[in-house]
């Protein structure tokens, strides 16, 4: 039928009309392609199973290869990749995902990890923490869940009394000798056990430093109250001192007047 098509010129049919002719029936390991030499649809194997490409690899999107070859040594793509590929939203990947040296780019979409712990700069993140980072973390802000609807059993916190039991220190980290300042977790645990967490494997303790703002706020309020009381007492003392000074000035004036009167009296008696 292709040979009788009036749109064919010479021995070749242009690709613009290739779609008008039904493709060849191929097996699951083959893909159809239009041969301009044979002037018809032919089948070509996707891979020969020896590690080198042979023919066309049919995918849902583009594959770009700058050099070398694409090799698949297994007829099962999952076995070849050693993990279950994720093809669409909702799919779950199993097995180990090895990332390139330049990391993983998630774009504007979310990266969701449904269970376990995430470690950064550590090969064995602690199961005690959902995110275990070996090193410093920089961010523009950290937010703590603090909605009143999430809490109960409220009670007042003693601020100054609590803070006075804590001991701020300077120290050096044993790992790299880096100087730092902070608290000793074991000491904090005796005063505020809610702020200390112990690793279930290593036994090492960590302090929730951010929550120390609560006793610090109460301490500030207590100190403000003490300062206000002292200010009132000081003002009262100033008024009392001012009153005493006025009385003293009046007594001195009266004393001077009496002295002058006595002097005058004495002078008048001497004159007689």
Protein backbone atom coordinates (compact mmCIF):
# COMPACT_ATOMS: atom_id res chain seq x y z
CA UNK A 1 0.00 0.00 0.00
CA UNK A 2 2.90 2.30 0.80
CA UNK A 3 4.36 1.76 -2.65
CA UNK A 4 1.14 2.98 -4.29
CA UNK A 5 0.92 6.13 -2.19
CA UNK A 6 1.06 9.07 -4.62
CA UNK A 7 2.75 11.22 -2.01
CA UNK A 8 5.91 9.06 -2.13
CA UNK A 9 8.69 10.48 -4.27
CA UNK A 10 11.41 8.08 -5.40
CA UNK A 11 12.47 5.34 -2.96
CA UNK A 12 11.93 7.41 0.25
CA UNK A 13 8.78 8.51 2.07
CA UNK A 14 9.11 11.67 4.09
CA UNK A 15 8.56 11.55 7.87
CA UNK A 16 5.68 13.99 7.46
CA UNK A 17 3.58 11.12 6.05
CA UNK A 18 5.01 8.26 8.12
CA UNK A 19 2.23 8.54 10.65
CA UNK A 20 -0.35 7.71 7.99
CA UNK A 21 0.93 4.13 7.75
CA UNK A 22 0.26 1.68 10.61
CA UNK A 23 3.46 0.82 12.59
CA UNK A 24 4.80 -2.71 12.63
CA UNK A 25 3.68 -5.13 15.34
CA UNK A 26 6.59 -5.45 17.76
CA UNK A 27 7.24 -7.47 20.91
CA UNK A 28 7.50 -5.98 24.41
CA UNK A 29 11.31 -5.90 24.02
CA UNK A 30 11.14 -3.99 20.73
CA UNK A 31 10.05 -0.59 19.55
CA UNK A 32 8.77 0.42 16.09
CA UNK A 33 10.65 2.94 13.97
CA UNK A 34 10.26 4.27 10.43
CA UNK A 35 13.00 3.18 8.04
CA UNK A 36 13.55 5.55 5.14
CA UNK A 37 15.73 2.91 3.53
CA UNK A 38 13.16 0.10 3.64
CA UNK A 39 10.35 2.61 3.17
CA UNK A 40 8.28 1.00 5.95
CA UNK A 41 7.90 0.46 9.72
CA UNK A 42 10.39 -1.94 11.30
CA UNK A 43 10.99 -3.29 14.82
CA UNK A 44 14.19 -2.66 16.73
CA UNK A 45 15.29 -4.20 20.04
CA UNK A 46 15.43 -1.89 23.07
CA UNK A 47 18.51 -3.67 24.56
CA UNK A 48 20.41 -6.86 23.79
CA UNK A 49 21.04 -7.80 27.45
CA UNK A 50 24.84 -7.60 27.23
CA UNK A 51 25.28 -4.11 28.56
CA UNK A 52 25.42 -2.13 25.33
CA UNK A 53 22.55 -0.26 23.73
CA UNK A 54 20.96 -1.65 20.57
CA UNK A 55 18.24 0.41 19.05
CA UNK A 56 15.86 2.84 20.68
CA UNK A 57 15.03 3.29 24.37
CA UNK A 58 11.42 4.42 24.65
CA UNK A 59 10.67 6.65 27.67
CA UNK A 60 7.95 9.09 28.71
CA UNK A 61 10.28 12.08 28.58
CA UNK A 62 13.62 13.10 27.08
CA UNK A 63 16.95 11.43 27.89
CA UNK A 64 20.07 13.46 27.23
CA UNK A 65 23.45 11.72 27.01
CA UNK A 66 26.52 13.84 26.33
CA UNK A 67 28.89 10.89 25.89
CA UNK A 68 29.14 7.16 26.46
CA UNK A 69 26.25 4.71 26.33
CA UNK A 70 23.13 3.82 28.27
CA UNK A 71 23.38 0.26 29.62
CA UNK A 72 20.72 -1.99 31.16
CA UNK A 73 21.96 -5.49 32.01
CA UNK A 74 18.63 -6.77 33.38
CA UNK A 75 15.30 -7.24 31.70
CA UNK A 76 13.70 -5.98 34.94
CA UNK A 77 14.27 -2.22 35.32
CA UNK A 78 13.79 -2.45 39.11
CA UNK A 79 16.56 -5.04 39.41
CA UNK A 80 18.80 -3.00 37.15
CA UNK A 81 18.37 0.18 39.21
CA UNK A 82 18.53 -1.67 42.59
CA UNK A 83 15.58 0.41 43.83
CA UNK A 84 11.94 0.82 42.87
CA UNK A 85 11.69 3.84 40.54
CA UNK A 86 9.15 6.55 41.29
CA UNK A 87 7.09 7.29 38.22
CA UNK A 88 4.28 9.52 39.43
CA UNK A 89 2.90 11.34 42.47
CA UNK A 90 1.99 8.89 45.19
CA UNK A 91 4.58 6.23 44.21
CA UNK A 92 6.92 5.00 46.95
CA UNK A 93 10.62 4.34 46.43
CA UNK A 94 12.22 1.48 48.34
CA UNK A 95 15.90 0.69 48.87
CA UNK A 96 18.91 2.97 49.10
CA UNK A 97 19.02 6.22 47.12
CA UNK A 98 22.57 7.32 46.34
CA UNK A 99 22.70 11.05 45.60
CA UNK A 100 25.32 12.76 43.42
CA UNK A 101 28.02 14.90 45.01
CA UNK A 102 26.13 18.10 44.22
CA UNK A 103 23.12 16.93 46.27
CA UNK A 104 19.42 16.61 45.62
CA UNK A 105 17.35 19.38 44.06
CA UNK A 106 13.66 19.12 44.95
CA UNK A 107 12.53 22.27 43.12
CA UNK A 108 9.38 23.93 44.42
CA UNK A 109 7.76 20.64 45.46
CA UNK A 110 7.88 19.12 48.91
CA UNK A 111 10.29 16.40 49.95
CA UNK A 112 8.43 14.12 52.36
CA UNK A 113 10.03 11.42 54.51
CA UNK A 114 7.27 9.45 56.19
CA UNK A 115 9.29 7.68 58.88
CA UNK A 116 12.66 7.15 60.51
CA UNK A 117 15.33 9.80 61.11
CA UNK A 118 17.22 12.12 58.75
CA UNK A 119 20.94 12.62 59.30
CA UNK A 120 23.14 15.38 57.89
CA UNK A 121 26.92 14.94 58.05
CA UNK A 122 26.43 11.69 59.95
CA UNK A 123 26.21 8.10 58.71
CA UNK A 124 24.10 6.98 61.67
CA UNK A 125 21.45 9.52 62.73
CA UNK A 126 20.04 9.00 66.21
CA UNK A 127 16.58 7.46 66.39
CA UNK A 128 15.87 9.84 69.30
CA UNK A 129 15.68 12.81 66.94
CA UNK A 130 13.79 13.16 63.64
CA UNK A 131 16.62 15.36 62.29
CA UNK A 132 20.18 14.73 63.48
CA UNK A 133 22.74 17.28 62.25
CA UNK A 134 26.45 16.91 63.00
CA UNK A 135 27.51 20.53 62.68
CA UNK A 136 26.12 24.05 62.75
CA UNK A 137 22.71 24.95 61.30
CA UNK A 138 21.92 28.37 59.83
CA UNK A 139 18.39 29.60 59.16
CA UNK A 140 16.47 32.89 59.06
CA UNK A 141 14.13 31.64 61.78
CA UNK A 142 13.07 28.68 63.91
CA UNK A 143 9.43 28.34 64.97
CA UNK A 144 8.21 26.24 67.90
CA UNK A 145 4.68 24.84 68.03
CA UNK A 146 3.14 26.89 70.85
CA UNK A 147 -0.60 27.21 70.26
CA UNK A 148 -2.62 27.31 73.50
CA UNK A 149 -4.96 24.68 72.05
CA UNK A 150 -2.09 22.18 72.08
CA UNK A 151 -1.39 22.58 75.82
CA UNK A 152 -2.96 21.93 79.22
CA UNK A 153 -2.00 21.75 82.92
CA UNK A 154 -0.79 25.38 83.03
CA UNK A 155 1.12 26.64 86.07
CA UNK A 156 3.29 29.64 86.86
CA UNK A 157 7.03 29.25 86.40
CA UNK A 158 9.48 30.58 88.95
CA UNK A 159 11.86 32.69 86.94
CA UNK A 160 14.64 34.19 89.03
CA UNK A 161 14.79 31.26 91.42
CA UNK A 162 15.19 28.91 88.43
CA UNK A 163 17.79 30.97 86.57
CA UNK A 164 19.93 31.41 89.69
CA UNK A 165 20.36 27.63 89.83
CA UNK A 166 21.85 27.48 86.31
CA UNK A 167 25.54 27.89 85.65
CA UNK A 168 26.76 29.48 82.42
CA UNK A 169 30.28 28.46 81.39
CA UNK A 170 32.95 28.84 78.73
CA UNK A 171 34.36 25.62 77.30
CA UNK A 172 35.99 23.88 74.31
CA UNK A 173 34.50 21.02 72.31
CA UNK A 174 36.61 17.86 72.58
CA UNK A 175 36.03 16.94 68.92
CA UNK A 176 37.78 19.94 67.36
CA UNK A 177 38.78 22.22 70.25
CA UNK A 178 36.33 24.90 69.14
CA UNK A 179 35.60 27.45 71.92
CA UNK A 180 31.99 27.96 72.92
CA UNK A 181 29.68 29.07 75.74
CA UNK A 182 26.64 27.34 77.15
CA UNK A 183 25.31 25.13 79.93
CA UNK A 184 25.93 21.60 81.21
CA UNK A 185 22.98 19.36 80.32
CA UNK A 186 23.25 17.34 83.53
CA UNK A 187 22.99 20.55 85.61
CA UNK A 188 20.02 21.81 83.58
CA UNK A 189 18.29 18.44 84.00
CA UNK A 190 18.29 18.87 87.79
CA UNK A 191 16.50 22.22 87.50
CA UNK A 192 14.45 21.93 84.29
CA UNK A 193 14.26 18.25 83.29
CA UNK A 194 11.71 19.11 80.57
CA UNK A 195 14.47 20.84 78.60
CA UNK A 196 16.89 17.89 78.48
CA UNK A 197 16.71 14.91 76.12
CA UNK A 198 18.91 11.83 76.37
CA UNK A 199 19.96 9.85 73.29
CA UNK A 200 18.54 6.35 73.58
CA UNK A 201 21.70 4.80 72.08
CA UNK A 202 24.69 6.91 73.14
CA UNK A 203 23.27 8.30 76.37
CA UNK A 204 24.47 11.79 75.41
CA UNK A 205 22.25 14.62 76.62
CA UNK A 206 21.03 17.69 74.72
CA UNK A 207 19.42 20.93 75.95
CA UNK A 208 16.42 22.66 74.40
CA UNK A 209 18.02 26.10 74.73
CA UNK A 210 15.19 27.97 73.04
CA UNK A 211 12.75 27.20 75.86
CA UNK A 212 15.00 28.87 78.42
CA UNK A 213 13.36 32.09 77.26
CA UNK A 214 10.39 31.24 79.52
CA UNK A 215 12.24 31.44 82.88
CA UNK A 216 14.29 34.36 81.54
CA UNK A 217 11.08 36.29 80.82
CA UNK A 218 9.75 35.55 84.29
CA UNK A 219 13.11 36.55 85.79
CA UNK A 220 12.98 39.86 83.96
CA UNK A 221 9.47 40.52 85.27
CA UNK A 222 10.51 39.65 88.82
CA UNK A 223 13.57 41.90 88.58
CA UNK A 224 11.39 44.68 87.18
CA UNK A 225 9.07 44.27 90.17
CA UNK A 226 11.99 44.46 92.57
CA UNK A 227 13.34 47.53 90.79
CA UNK A 228 9.90 49.17 90.95
CA UNK A 229 9.69 48.52 94.69
CA UNK A 230 13.19 49.90 95.21
CA UNK A 231 12.31 52.94 93.11
CA UNK A 232 9.23 53.63 95.25
CA UNK A 233 11.23 53.13 98.44
CA UNK A 234 13.97 55.39 97.15
CA UNK A 235 11.50 58.12 96.26
CA UNK A 236 9.97 57.84 99.76
CA UNK A 237 13.39 58.09 101.34
CA UNK A 238 14.16 61.13 99.22
CA UNK A 239 10.97 62.82 100.45
CA UNK A 240 11.84 62.01 104.04
CA UNK A 241 15.38 63.31 103.59
CA UNK A 242 14.06 66.46 101.97
CA UNK A 243 11.69 66.98 104.90
CA UNK A 244 14.49 66.46 107.42
CA UNK A 245 16.71 68.89 105.50
CA UNK A 246 13.95 71.52 105.62
CA UNK A 247 13.53 71.01 109.36
CA UNK A 248 17.30 71.24 109.83
CA UNK A 249 17.43 74.47 107.83
CA UNK A 250 14.62 75.91 109.96
CA UNK A 251 16.34 74.86 113.18
CA UNK A 252 19.60 76.41 112.04
CA UNK A 253 17.77 79.63 111.19
CA UNK A 254 16.04 79.66 114.58
CA UNK A 255 19.33 78.93 116.29
CA UNK A 256 20.98 81.84 114.51
CA UNK A 257 18.15 84.15 115.51
CA UNK A 258 18.47 83.08 119.16
CA UNK A 259 22.23 83.55 119.03
CA UNK A 260 21.80 87.07 117.71
CA UNK A 261 19.19 87.83 120.37
CA UNK A 262 21.44 86.58 123.17
CA UNK A 263 24.35 88.59 121.81
CA UNK A 264 22.24 91.74 121.71
CA UNK A 265 21.03 91.17 125.23
CA UNK A 266 24.54 90.71 126.53
CA UNK A 267 25.76 93.87 124.81
CA UNK A 268 22.97 95.94 126.35
CA UNK A 269 23.84 94.79 129.90
CA UNK A 270 27.52 95.53 129.40
CA UNK A 271 26.63 99.05 128.27
CA UNK A 272 24.86 99.82 131.55
